[in-house]
Structures are given as C-alpha cells and as structure tokens.
Amino acid sequence: MDVMDSYRLHQGSTALLVSLPHDGNEIPAALAQRMAGPARSAPDTDWHVSRLYGFARALGASVLVPRYSRYVVDLNRPQDDTSLYPGQNTTGLCPVTRFDGGPVYLEGQEPSPAEITTRVERYWRPYHEALRGELARLRARHGRAVLWEGHSIRGSGLPFLFEGRLPDLNLGTAAGASCTPALQQRLEAVLAGQDDYDWVVNGRFKGGHITRHYGNPAQGIQAVQMETSQRCYMDEASGEYDDDRAARLEPVLRRLLEACLE
C-alpha cells in the first residue's frame, strides 16, 4: 500500500492546518475478522467531522484526514503508548478496549508488539510525517502555523471515559502550554460570546498527543484541540448527520478558526 493511500492532505493558503485524526473509519477486512462484533463498525469514530469542517477550505486552511479507523492505530496517541491521562481510563495506541468498556478483539486476537510496530510504520508514521511537513511549510511561508485538532465524541453514556454529560464544546490547550495566552483568550471570547452551547477549557479533554507534541508557541507553532459532543451536529442514536444541527454549529466553529488566523 502506498502511504499516500492512508491519508488525504489538502494544502491551503493560510497559516492554519485542520487535522482530523479520528475521522477515518476503514478497517482492513483481515483485521475486522479478528474483532468482536460491535467493534467491526468502528463505533468510536469521530463521525462526520470532515463534513462538519468542510467550510475550512474556504477559509484557506490546510486539511489532513486519515483513511483508517483509530482501531487500526490511534494517530493521536504517542508512539510509545504512554498514557495521556494518568489515573483515568483511556484507550491506547492500538486500542483493545472500546469507549463503552467492551473489547475490540475476540479473545486471543489482540495485536502483538510486532504487529503494533508494523501498524505504526504503515499508518501512524506517514500521517505524522505529513502533519510535520505541512506545519513546516506553513511556518516557512507565513512565519507561523496554527494547528486545529478537530475531534468529536458521544456526549453522554460513556462512563468508562467520563461520568454524566460532557459539555458541548471542549477546548484543550494542554493547560495553556500548546498555544499563546492571547490565542486561548481569543478562543474563549468566541465561546463566551455565544449562547447556544455550553463549553469548557482544559476540562476532561486537555488535548491529545498531537496537540501536546506539536504545539510549541516559542517555535512559531500553536496547537489547540476541540472535542465536540456529537449531539451538536448529528443524531447519536442513529449515527446520521443532522444538517440543521450542523448548520447551527458551523458559525461558531467558523469564528473559532477565524480567531486562530487573527
């Protein structure tokens, strides 16, 4: 497989890169055969986020989207699989547990260390090379780069990961380390200036590996993560995209991306 087949990169004209590392939902057939039934449909996908952020290209943003599911390899986990949230339940580099706490694999079919290494080389590394290369291109062209990590998750009913109801919009800046205070303040101002969605900054989701690893304001690269509760733009029960809900959310997301470019 050509590594370019594992992701799509649109190169934009501004300093902004939108990365959607959990948008992919494809699982190779041979791998799916080893999975428990509920996992074969890739239920923990960030469903429809590339559609939700479809407007980003018109803003001049670059957009990076993977082809394969996080069950193949989680692009937002570190290569050594160190936990991003010590002491809290989470899922790993090649997940063996679903968000609902159930198994990804049939008993005895979990990936071996050698298989994990192969997946990192085949799927994880190409995405990160593309990410790193595009950030370097943007910084060279504009003198800076801003990385927007677009994510989504079911907003309730996942006690394995969090209790109760997740806020609608969950902004993460690695507790302020991955972007400048000025950018965080602009983003918070956008969130505070709307009344349709509740929100939190650096709550349960503070930013995954990509935000934490690539965000380096001193070197001219800022990174933020937005974890959106899926109820804001889709029907969580059916998995269907909801055009009306998405149309209400899009202006808020647009203003947030515009704040990144100020």
C-alpha atoms as a PDB file:
ATOM      1  CA  MET A   1       0.000   0.000   0.000  1.00  0.00           C
ATOM      2  CA  ASP A   2       1.266   3.459  -0.915  1.00  0.00           C
ATOM      3  CA  VAL A   3       1.470   5.527   2.264  1.00  0.00           C
ATOM      4  CA  MET A   4      -0.389   8.325   0.494  1.00  0.00           C
ATOM      5  CA  ASP A   5      -3.386   5.994   0.431  1.00  0.00           C
ATOM      6  CA  SER A   6      -3.627   6.199   4.214  1.00  0.00           C
ATOM      7  CA  TYR A   7      -4.467   9.917   4.363  1.00  0.00           C
ATOM      8  CA  ARG A   8      -5.607  12.911   2.308  1.00  0.00           C
ATOM      9  CA  LEU A   9      -3.900  16.293   2.553  1.00  0.00           C
ATOM     10  CA  HIS A  10      -5.345  19.488   1.118  1.00  0.00           C
ATOM     11  CA  GLN A  11      -2.774  22.289   1.150  1.00  0.00           C
ATOM     12  CA  GLY A  12      -4.332  25.669   1.881  1.00  0.00           C
ATOM     13  CA  SER A  13      -3.208  29.260   1.564  1.00  0.00           C
ATOM     14  CA  THR A  14      -3.250  30.450   5.191  1.00  0.00           C
ATOM     15  CA  ALA A  15      -1.278  29.571   8.330  1.00  0.00           C
ATOM     16  CA  LEU A  16      -3.992  27.185   9.579  1.00  0.00           C
ATOM     17  CA  LEU A  17      -3.903  23.384   9.449  1.00  0.00           C
ATOM     18  CA  VAL A  18      -7.019  21.433  10.453  1.00  0.00           C
ATOM     19  CA  SER A  19      -6.122  17.876  11.463  1.00  0.00           C
ATOM     20  CA  LEU A  20      -8.923  15.309  11.879  1.00  0.00           C
ATOM     21  CA  PRO A  21      -7.056  12.207  13.092  1.00  0.00           C
ATOM     22  CA  HIS A  22     -10.105  10.172  14.108  1.00  0.00           C
ATOM     23  CA  ASP A  23     -12.269  10.819  11.056  1.00  0.00           C
ATOM     24  CA  GLY A  24     -11.168   7.607   9.321  1.00  0.00           C
ATOM     25  CA  ASN A  25     -13.412   4.562   9.761  1.00  0.00           C
ATOM     26  CA  GLU A  26     -11.987   1.950   7.417  1.00  0.00           C
ATOM     27  CA  ILE A  27     -10.790  -1.351   8.894  1.00  0.00           C
ATOM     28  CA  PRO A  28      -8.915  -3.866   6.693  1.00  0.00           C
ATOM     29  CA  ALA A  29     -11.025  -6.997   6.190  1.00  0.00           C
ATOM     30  CA  ALA A  30      -8.454  -9.375   7.670  1.00  0.00           C
ATOM     31  CA  LEU A  31      -8.285  -7.261  10.815  1.00  0.00           C
ATOM     32  CA  ALA A  32     -12.060  -6.946  11.126  1.00  0.00           C
ATOM     33  CA  GLN A  33     -12.350 -10.738  11.215  1.00  0.00           C
ATOM     34  CA  ARG A  34     -10.374 -10.752  14.459  1.00  0.00           C
ATOM     35  CA  MET A  35     -12.595  -8.155  16.110  1.00  0.00           C
ATOM     36  CA  ALA A  36     -15.590  -8.518  18.367  1.00  0.00           C
ATOM     37  CA  GLY A  37     -18.831  -7.872  16.503  1.00  0.00           C
ATOM     38  CA  PRO A  38     -19.590  -4.414  17.955  1.00  0.00           C
ATOM     39  CA  ALA A  39     -16.102  -3.169  17.054  1.00  0.00           C
ATOM     40  CA  ARG A  40     -16.310  -4.028  13.359  1.00  0.00           C
ATOM     41  CA  SER A  41     -18.377  -0.932  12.611  1.00  0.00           C
ATOM     42  CA  ALA A  42     -15.727   1.316  14.233  1.00  0.00           C
ATOM     43  CA  PRO A  43     -18.183   2.841  16.745  1.00  0.00           C
ATOM     44  CA  ASP A  44     -15.584   5.143  18.311  1.00  0.00           C
ATOM     45  CA  THR A  45     -15.037   7.092  15.101  1.00  0.00           C
ATOM     46  CA  ASP A  46     -15.255  10.888  15.234  1.00  0.00           C
ATOM     47  CA  TRP A  47     -18.226  10.610  12.907  1.00  0.00           C
ATOM     48  CA  HIS A  48     -18.655  13.136  10.102  1.00  0.00           C
ATOM     49  CA  VAL A  49     -16.050  15.605  11.379  1.00  0.00           C
ATOM     50  CA  SER A  50     -14.583  16.118   7.901  1.00  0.00           C
ATOM     51  CA  ARG A  51     -18.084  17.027   6.732  1.00  0.00           C
ATOM     52  CA  LEU A  52     -18.592  19.278   9.734  1.00  0.00           C
ATOM     53  CA  TYR A  53     -15.340  21.121   8.974  1.00  0.00           C
ATOM     54  CA  GLY A  54     -15.983  21.192   5.239  1.00  0.00           C
ATOM     55  CA  PHE A  55     -16.071  25.000   5.353  1.00  0.00           C
ATOM     56  CA  ALA A  56     -12.428  25.170   6.477  1.00  0.00           C
ATOM     57  CA  ARG A  57     -11.055  25.030   2.943  1.00  0.00           C
ATOM     58  CA  ALA A  58     -12.948  28.208   2.065  1.00  0.00           C
ATOM     59  CA  LEU A  59     -11.060  29.893   4.916  1.00  0.00           C
ATOM     60  CA  GLY A  60      -7.789  28.883   3.266  1.00  0.00           C
ATOM     61  CA  ALA A  61      -6.993  26.155   5.785  1.00  0.00           C
ATOM     62  CA  SER A  62      -4.984  23.060   5.024  1.00  0.00           C
ATOM     63  CA  VAL A  63      -6.869  19.886   5.965  1.00  0.00           C
ATOM     64  CA  LEU A  64      -5.388  16.497   6.874  1.00  0.00           C
ATOM     65  CA  VAL A  65      -7.712  13.475   7.090  1.00  0.00           C
ATOM     66  CA  PRO A  66      -6.840   9.778   7.614  1.00  0.00           C
ATOM     67  CA  ARG A  67      -8.452   6.850   5.868  1.00  0.00           C
ATOM     68  CA  TYR A  68      -8.286   4.203   8.580  1.00  0.00           C
ATOM     69  CA  SER A  69     -10.025   3.796  11.921  1.00  0.00           C
ATOM     70  CA  ARG A  70      -8.421   4.550  15.261  1.00  0.00           C
ATOM     71  CA  TYR A  71      -8.855   0.808  15.895  1.00  0.00           C
ATOM     72  CA  VAL A  72      -6.098   0.181  13.356  1.00  0.00           C
ATOM     73  CA  VAL A  73      -3.845   2.692  15.091  1.00  0.00           C
ATOM     74  CA  ASP A  74      -4.717   5.798  17.074  1.00  0.00           C
ATOM     75  CA  LEU A  75      -2.951   8.708  15.408  1.00  0.00           C
ATOM     76  CA  ASN A  76      -3.500  10.877  18.481  1.00  0.00           C
ATOM     77  CA  ARG A  77      -1.511   8.642  20.824  1.00  0.00           C
ATOM     78  CA  PRO A  78       2.265   8.742  21.326  1.00  0.00           C
ATOM     79  CA  GLN A  79       4.346   6.123  19.601  1.00  0.00           C
ATOM     80  CA  ASP A  80       5.403   4.622  22.940  1.00  0.00           C
ATOM     81  CA  ASP A  81       1.736   4.455  24.073  1.00  0.00           C
ATOM     82  CA  THR A  82       2.358   6.439  27.259  1.00  0.00           C
ATOM     83  CA  SER A  83      -0.974   7.333  28.874  1.00  0.00           C
ATOM     84  CA  LEU A  84      -2.114  10.894  28.184  1.00  0.00           C
ATOM     85  CA  TYR A  85      -4.371  10.913  31.247  1.00  0.00           C
ATOM     86  CA  PRO A  86      -2.639   9.014  34.076  1.00  0.00           C
ATOM     87  CA  GLY A  87      -5.091   7.587  36.566  1.00  0.00           C
ATOM     88  CA  GLN A  88      -8.040   7.838  34.184  1.00  0.00           C
ATOM     89  CA  ASN A  89      -9.474   5.277  31.807  1.00  0.00           C
ATOM     90  CA  THR A  90      -8.424   5.813  28.228  1.00  0.00           C
ATOM     91  CA  THR A  91      -7.695   3.814  25.087  1.00  0.00           C
ATOM     92  CA  GLY A  92      -4.281   3.090  23.645  1.00  0.00           C
ATOM     93  CA  LEU A  93      -2.167   3.260  20.518  1.00  0.00           C
ATOM     94  CA  CYS A  94      -3.776   0.120  19.097  1.00  0.00           C
ATOM     95  CA  PRO A  95      -6.923   0.030  21.223  1.00  0.00           C
ATOM     96  CA  VAL A  96      -8.094  -3.235  22.757  1.00  0.00           C
ATOM     97  CA  THR A  97     -10.976  -1.596  24.651  1.00  0.00           C
ATOM     98  CA  ARG A  98     -13.870   0.380  23.193  1.00  0.00           C
ATOM     99  CA  PHE A  99     -15.178   3.637  24.643  1.00  0.00           C
ATOM    100  CA  ASP A 100     -18.030   1.708  26.238  1.00  0.00           C
ATOM    101  CA  GLY A 101     -15.530  -0.565  28.014  1.00  0.00           C
ATOM    102  CA  GLY A 102     -16.145  -3.581  25.780  1.00  0.00           C
ATOM    103  CA  PRO A 103     -13.393  -5.482  23.941  1.00  0.00           C
ATOM    104  CA  VAL A 104     -12.227  -4.533  20.462  1.00  0.00           C
ATOM    105  CA  TYR A 105     -10.923  -8.048  19.734  1.00  0.00           C
ATOM    106  CA  LEU A 106     -12.109 -11.594  20.025  1.00  0.00           C
ATOM    107  CA  GLU A 107     -10.355 -13.408  22.851  1.00  0.00           C
ATOM    108  CA  GLY A 108      -6.737 -14.138  21.954  1.00  0.00           C
ATOM    109  CA  GLN A 109      -6.796 -11.983  18.796  1.00  0.00           C
ATOM    110  CA  GLU A 110      -5.248  -8.823  20.234  1.00  0.00           C
ATOM    111  CA  PRO A 111      -2.268  -7.378  18.312  1.00  0.00           C
ATOM    112  CA  SER A 112       1.210  -8.490  19.292  1.00  0.00           C
ATOM    113  CA  PRO A 113       4.022  -5.979  19.933  1.00  0.00           C
ATOM    114  CA  ALA A 114       5.446  -6.801  16.493  1.00  0.00           C
ATOM    115  CA  GLU A 115       2.093  -6.140  14.840  1.00  0.00           C
ATOM    116  CA  ILE A 116       1.758  -2.834  16.658  1.00  0.00           C
ATOM    117  CA  THR A 117       5.199  -1.825  15.387  1.00  0.00           C
ATOM    118  CA  THR A 118       4.126  -2.687  11.845  1.00  0.00           C
ATOM    119  CA  ARG A 119       0.956  -0.610  12.156  1.00  0.00           C
ATOM    120  CA  VAL A 120       2.925   2.348  13.471  1.00  0.00           C
ATOM    121  CA  GLU A 121       5.203   2.223  10.454  1.00  0.00           C
ATOM    122  CA  ARG A 122       2.409   1.691   7.926  1.00  0.00           C
ATOM    123  CA  TYR A 123      -0.255   4.077   9.205  1.00  0.00           C
ATOM    124  CA  TRP A 124       0.873   6.218  12.152  1.00  0.00           C
ATOM    125  CA  ARG A 125       4.220   7.442  10.845  1.00  0.00           C
ATOM    126  CA  PRO A 126       3.000   8.596   7.401  1.00  0.00           C
ATOM    127  CA  TYR A 127       0.278  10.725   8.978  1.00  0.00           C
ATOM    128  CA  HIS A 128       2.726  12.347  11.351  1.00  0.00           C
ATOM    129  CA  GLU A 129       5.262  12.935   8.603  1.00  0.00           C
ATOM    130  CA  ALA A 130       2.541  14.676   6.590  1.00  0.00           C
ATOM    131  CA  LEU A 131       1.499  16.680   9.651  1.00  0.00           C
ATOM    132  CA  ARG A 132       5.049  17.715  10.453  1.00  0.00           C
ATOM    133  CA  GLY A 133       5.798  18.572   6.833  1.00  0.00           C
ATOM    134  CA  GLU A 134       2.693  20.716   6.402  1.00  0.00           C
ATOM    135  CA  LEU A 135       3.343  22.618   9.614  1.00  0.00           C
ATOM    136  CA  ALA A 136       6.888  23.286   8.423  1.00  0.00           C
ATOM    137  CA  ARG A 137       5.587  24.500   5.059  1.00  0.00           C
ATOM    138  CA  LEU A 138       3.093  26.845   6.683  1.00  0.00           C
ATOM    139  CA  ARG A 139       5.620  28.234   9.123  1.00  0.00           C
ATOM    140  CA  ALA A 140       8.130  28.818   6.333  1.00  0.00           C
ATOM    141  CA  ARG A 141       5.518  30.609   4.231  1.00  0.00           C
ATOM    142  CA  HIS A 142       3.709  32.607   6.922  1.00  0.00           C
ATOM    143  CA  GLY A 143       6.229  32.841   9.733  1.00  0.00           C
ATOM    144  CA  ARG A 144       3.864  30.862  11.956  1.00  0.00           C
ATOM    145  CA  ALA A 145       1.450  27.945  11.903  1.00  0.00           C
ATOM    146  CA  VAL A 146      -1.706  27.148  13.860  1.00  0.00           C
ATOM    147  CA  LEU A 147      -2.819  23.537  14.227  1.00  0.00           C
ATOM    148  CA  TRP A 148      -6.507  22.911  14.926  1.00  0.00           C
ATOM    149  CA  GLU A 149      -7.257  19.391  16.116  1.00  0.00           C
ATOM    150  CA  GLY A 150     -10.891  18.622  15.295  1.00  0.00           C
ATOM    151  CA  HIS A 151     -12.461  15.791  17.319  1.00  0.00           C
ATOM    152  CA  SER A 152     -15.885  14.599  18.375  1.00  0.00           C
ATOM    153  CA  ILE A 153     -17.307  12.048  20.781  1.00  0.00           C
ATOM    154  CA  ARG A 154     -20.651  10.882  22.077  1.00  0.00           C
ATOM    155  CA  GLY A 155     -21.552  13.403  24.744  1.00  0.00           C
ATOM    156  CA  SER A 156     -23.035  11.037  27.337  1.00  0.00           C
ATOM    157  CA  GLY A 157     -23.416   7.374  28.165  1.00  0.00           C
ATOM    158  CA  LEU A 158     -19.699   6.628  28.282  1.00  0.00           C
ATOM    159  CA  PRO A 159     -18.951   6.070  31.984  1.00  0.00           C
ATOM    160  CA  PHE A 160     -15.763   4.207  31.073  1.00  0.00           C
ATOM    161  CA  LEU A 161     -14.331   7.586  29.990  1.00  0.00           C
ATOM    162  CA  PHE A 162     -16.333  10.211  31.906  1.00  0.00           C
ATOM    163  CA  GLU A 163     -19.329  10.475  34.177  1.00  0.00           C
ATOM    164  CA  GLY A 164     -22.549  12.155  33.160  1.00  0.00           C
ATOM    165  CA  ARG A 165     -22.776  14.642  30.337  1.00  0.00           C
ATOM    166  CA  LEU A 166     -19.816  16.157  28.521  1.00  0.00           C
ATOM    167  CA  PRO A 167     -20.092  19.873  27.682  1.00  0.00           C
ATOM    168  CA  ASP A 168     -20.956  20.651  24.073  1.00  0.00           C
ATOM    169  CA  LEU A 169     -17.603  22.199  23.205  1.00  0.00           C
ATOM    170  CA  ASN A 170     -14.394  21.123  24.934  1.00  0.00           C
ATOM    171  CA  LEU A 171     -11.349  23.237  24.117  1.00  0.00           C
ATOM    172  CA  GLY A 172      -7.938  21.856  25.024  1.00  0.00           C
ATOM    173  CA  THR A 173      -4.649  23.719  25.052  1.00  0.00           C
ATOM    174  CA  ALA A 174      -2.583  21.298  27.169  1.00  0.00           C
ATOM    175  CA  ALA A 175      -3.354  23.512  30.168  1.00  0.00           C
ATOM    176  CA  GLY A 176      -2.098  26.540  28.254  1.00  0.00           C
ATOM    177  CA  ALA A 177       1.177  25.029  27.052  1.00  0.00           C
ATOM    178  CA  SER A 178       0.308  24.400  23.399  1.00  0.00           C
ATOM    179  CA  CYS A 179      -0.677  27.930  22.372  1.00  0.00           C
ATOM    180  CA  THR A 180      -0.116  31.516  23.431  1.00  0.00           C
ATOM    181  CA  PRO A 181      -2.287  33.085  26.132  1.00  0.00           C
ATOM    182  CA  ALA A 182      -3.517  35.544  23.500  1.00  0.00           C
ATOM    183  CA  LEU A 183      -4.858  32.797  21.243  1.00  0.00           C
ATOM    184  CA  GLN A 184      -6.526  30.998  24.115  1.00  0.00           C
ATOM    185  CA  GLN A 185      -8.150  34.253  25.194  1.00  0.00           C
ATOM    186  CA  ARG A 186      -9.484  34.902  21.679  1.00  0.00           C
ATOM    187  CA  LEU A 187     -10.950  31.404  21.516  1.00  0.00           C
ATOM    188  CA  GLU A 188     -12.511  31.747  24.956  1.00  0.00           C
ATOM    189  CA  ALA A 189     -14.020  35.068  23.879  1.00  0.00           C
ATOM    190  CA  VAL A 190     -15.699  33.376  20.915  1.00  0.00           C
ATOM    191  CA  LEU A 191     -17.090  30.648  23.162  1.00  0.00           C
ATOM    192  CA  ALA A 192     -18.275  33.161  25.751  1.00  0.00           C
ATOM    193  CA  GLY A 193     -19.901  35.273  23.040  1.00  0.00           C
ATOM    194  CA  GLN A 194     -22.430  32.638  22.008  1.00  0.00           C
ATOM    195  CA  ASP A 195     -25.380  31.246  23.939  1.00  0.00           C
ATOM    196  CA  ASP A 196     -26.223  28.045  22.091  1.00  0.00           C
ATOM    197  CA  TYR A 197     -23.571  25.707  23.502  1.00  0.00           C
ATOM    198  CA  ASP A 198     -22.028  25.119  26.889  1.00  0.00           C
ATOM    199  CA  TRP A 199     -18.271  24.791  26.932  1.00  0.00           C
ATOM    200  CA  VAL A 200     -15.173  24.218  28.993  1.00  0.00           C
ATOM    201  CA  VAL A 201     -11.458  24.848  28.547  1.00  0.00           C
ATOM    202  CA  ASN A 202      -8.968  22.160  29.604  1.00  0.00           C
ATOM    203  CA  GLY A 203     -11.606  20.002  31.225  1.00  0.00           C
ATOM    204  CA  ARG A 204     -11.767  16.240  30.720  1.00  0.00           C
ATOM    205  CA  PHE A 205     -10.044  16.607  27.327  1.00  0.00           C
ATOM    206  CA  LYS A 206      -6.992  18.860  27.504  1.00  0.00           C
ATOM    207  CA  GLY A 207      -5.536  17.893  24.141  1.00  0.00           C
ATOM    208  CA  GLY A 208      -4.107  14.613  22.940  1.00  0.00           C
ATOM    209  CA  HIS A 209      -0.661  13.674  21.711  1.00  0.00           C
ATOM    210  CA  ILE A 210      -0.821  15.791  18.571  1.00  0.00           C
ATOM    211  CA  THR A 211      -1.768  18.977  20.413  1.00  0.00           C
ATOM    212  CA  ARG A 212       0.796  18.407  23.130  1.00  0.00           C
ATOM    213  CA  HIS A 213       3.600  17.256  20.848  1.00  0.00           C
ATOM    214  CA  TYR A 214       3.332  19.782  18.032  1.00  0.00           C
ATOM    215  CA  GLY A 215       2.180  22.851  19.943  1.00  0.00           C
ATOM    216  CA  ASN A 216       5.314  24.918  20.529  1.00  0.00           C
ATOM    217  CA  PRO A 217       4.485  28.627  20.651  1.00  0.00           C
ATOM    218  CA  ALA A 218       8.122  29.591  21.161  1.00  0.00           C
ATOM    219  CA  GLN A 219       8.915  27.981  17.803  1.00  0.00           C
ATOM    220  CA  GLY A 220       6.002  29.603  15.992  1.00  0.00           C
ATOM    221  CA  ILE A 221       3.599  26.644  16.060  1.00  0.00           C
ATOM    222  CA  GLN A 222       0.433  26.821  18.142  1.00  0.00           C
ATOM    223  CA  ALA A 223      -1.961  23.910  18.609  1.00  0.00           C
ATOM    224  CA  VAL A 224      -5.426  23.552  20.102  1.00  0.00           C
ATOM    225  CA  GLN A 225      -7.933  20.707  20.269  1.00  0.00           C
ATOM    226  CA  MET A 226     -11.697  20.938  20.034  1.00  0.00           C
ATOM    227  CA  GLU A 227     -13.638  17.916  21.265  1.00  0.00           C
ATOM    228  CA  THR A 228     -17.231  18.426  20.150  1.00  0.00           C
ATOM    229  CA  SER A 229     -20.099  16.438  21.634  1.00  0.00           C
ATOM    230  CA  GLN A 230     -21.704  14.676  18.703  1.00  0.00           C
ATOM    231  CA  ARG A 231     -25.220  15.653  19.767  1.00  0.00           C
ATOM    232  CA  CYS A 232     -24.376  19.146  18.484  1.00  0.00           C
ATOM    233  CA  TYR A 233     -24.346  18.109  14.820  1.00  0.00           C
ATOM    234  CA  MET A 234     -25.680  14.554  14.446  1.00  0.00           C
ATOM    235  CA  ASP A 235     -28.132  12.076  15.884  1.00  0.00           C
ATOM    236  CA  GLU A 236     -26.081   9.993  18.302  1.00  0.00           C
ATOM    237  CA  ALA A 237     -28.529   7.097  18.317  1.00  0.00           C
ATOM    238  CA  SER A 238     -28.694   6.566  14.551  1.00  0.00           C
ATOM    239  CA  GLY A 239     -25.284   7.968  13.649  1.00  0.00           C
ATOM    240  CA  GLU A 240     -26.882  10.170  10.980  1.00  0.00           C
ATOM    241  CA  TYR A 241     -25.598  13.647  10.214  1.00  0.00           C
ATOM    242  CA  ASP A 242     -28.136  16.330  11.106  1.00  0.00           C
ATOM    243  CA  ASP A 243     -27.960  19.216   8.633  1.00  0.00           C
ATOM    244  CA  ASP A 244     -29.970  21.563  10.840  1.00  0.00           C
ATOM    245  CA  ARG A 245     -27.872  20.965  13.937  1.00  0.00           C
ATOM    246  CA  ALA A 246     -24.661  21.252  11.937  1.00  0.00           C
ATOM    247  CA  ALA A 247     -25.822  24.498  10.336  1.00  0.00           C
ATOM    248  CA  ARG A 248     -26.325  25.997  13.799  1.00  0.00           C
ATOM    249  CA  LEU A 249     -22.899  24.860  14.978  1.00  0.00           C
ATOM    250  CA  GLU A 250     -20.894  25.841  11.902  1.00  0.00           C
ATOM    251  CA  PRO A 251     -20.852  29.624  12.556  1.00  0.00           C
ATOM    252  CA  VAL A 252     -19.334  29.040  15.996  1.00  0.00           C
ATOM    253  CA  LEU A 253     -16.653  26.753  14.608  1.00  0.00           C
ATOM    254  CA  ARG A 254     -16.017  29.224  11.809  1.00  0.00           C
ATOM    255  CA  ARG A 255     -15.484  32.061  14.275  1.00  0.00           C
ATOM    256  CA  LEU A 256     -13.093  29.892  16.263  1.00  0.00           C
ATOM    257  CA  LEU A 257     -10.999  29.109  13.188  1.00  0.00           C
ATOM    258  CA  GLU A 258     -11.046  32.769  12.197  1.00  0.00           C
ATOM    259  CA  ALA A 259      -9.766  33.617  15.685  1.00  0.00           C
ATOM    260  CA  CYS A 260      -6.833  31.300  15.018  1.00  0.00           C
ATOM    261  CA  LEU A 261      -5.936  33.370  11.962  1.00  0.00           C
ATOM    262  CA  GLU A 262      -6.103  36.781  13.631  1.00  0.00           C
END
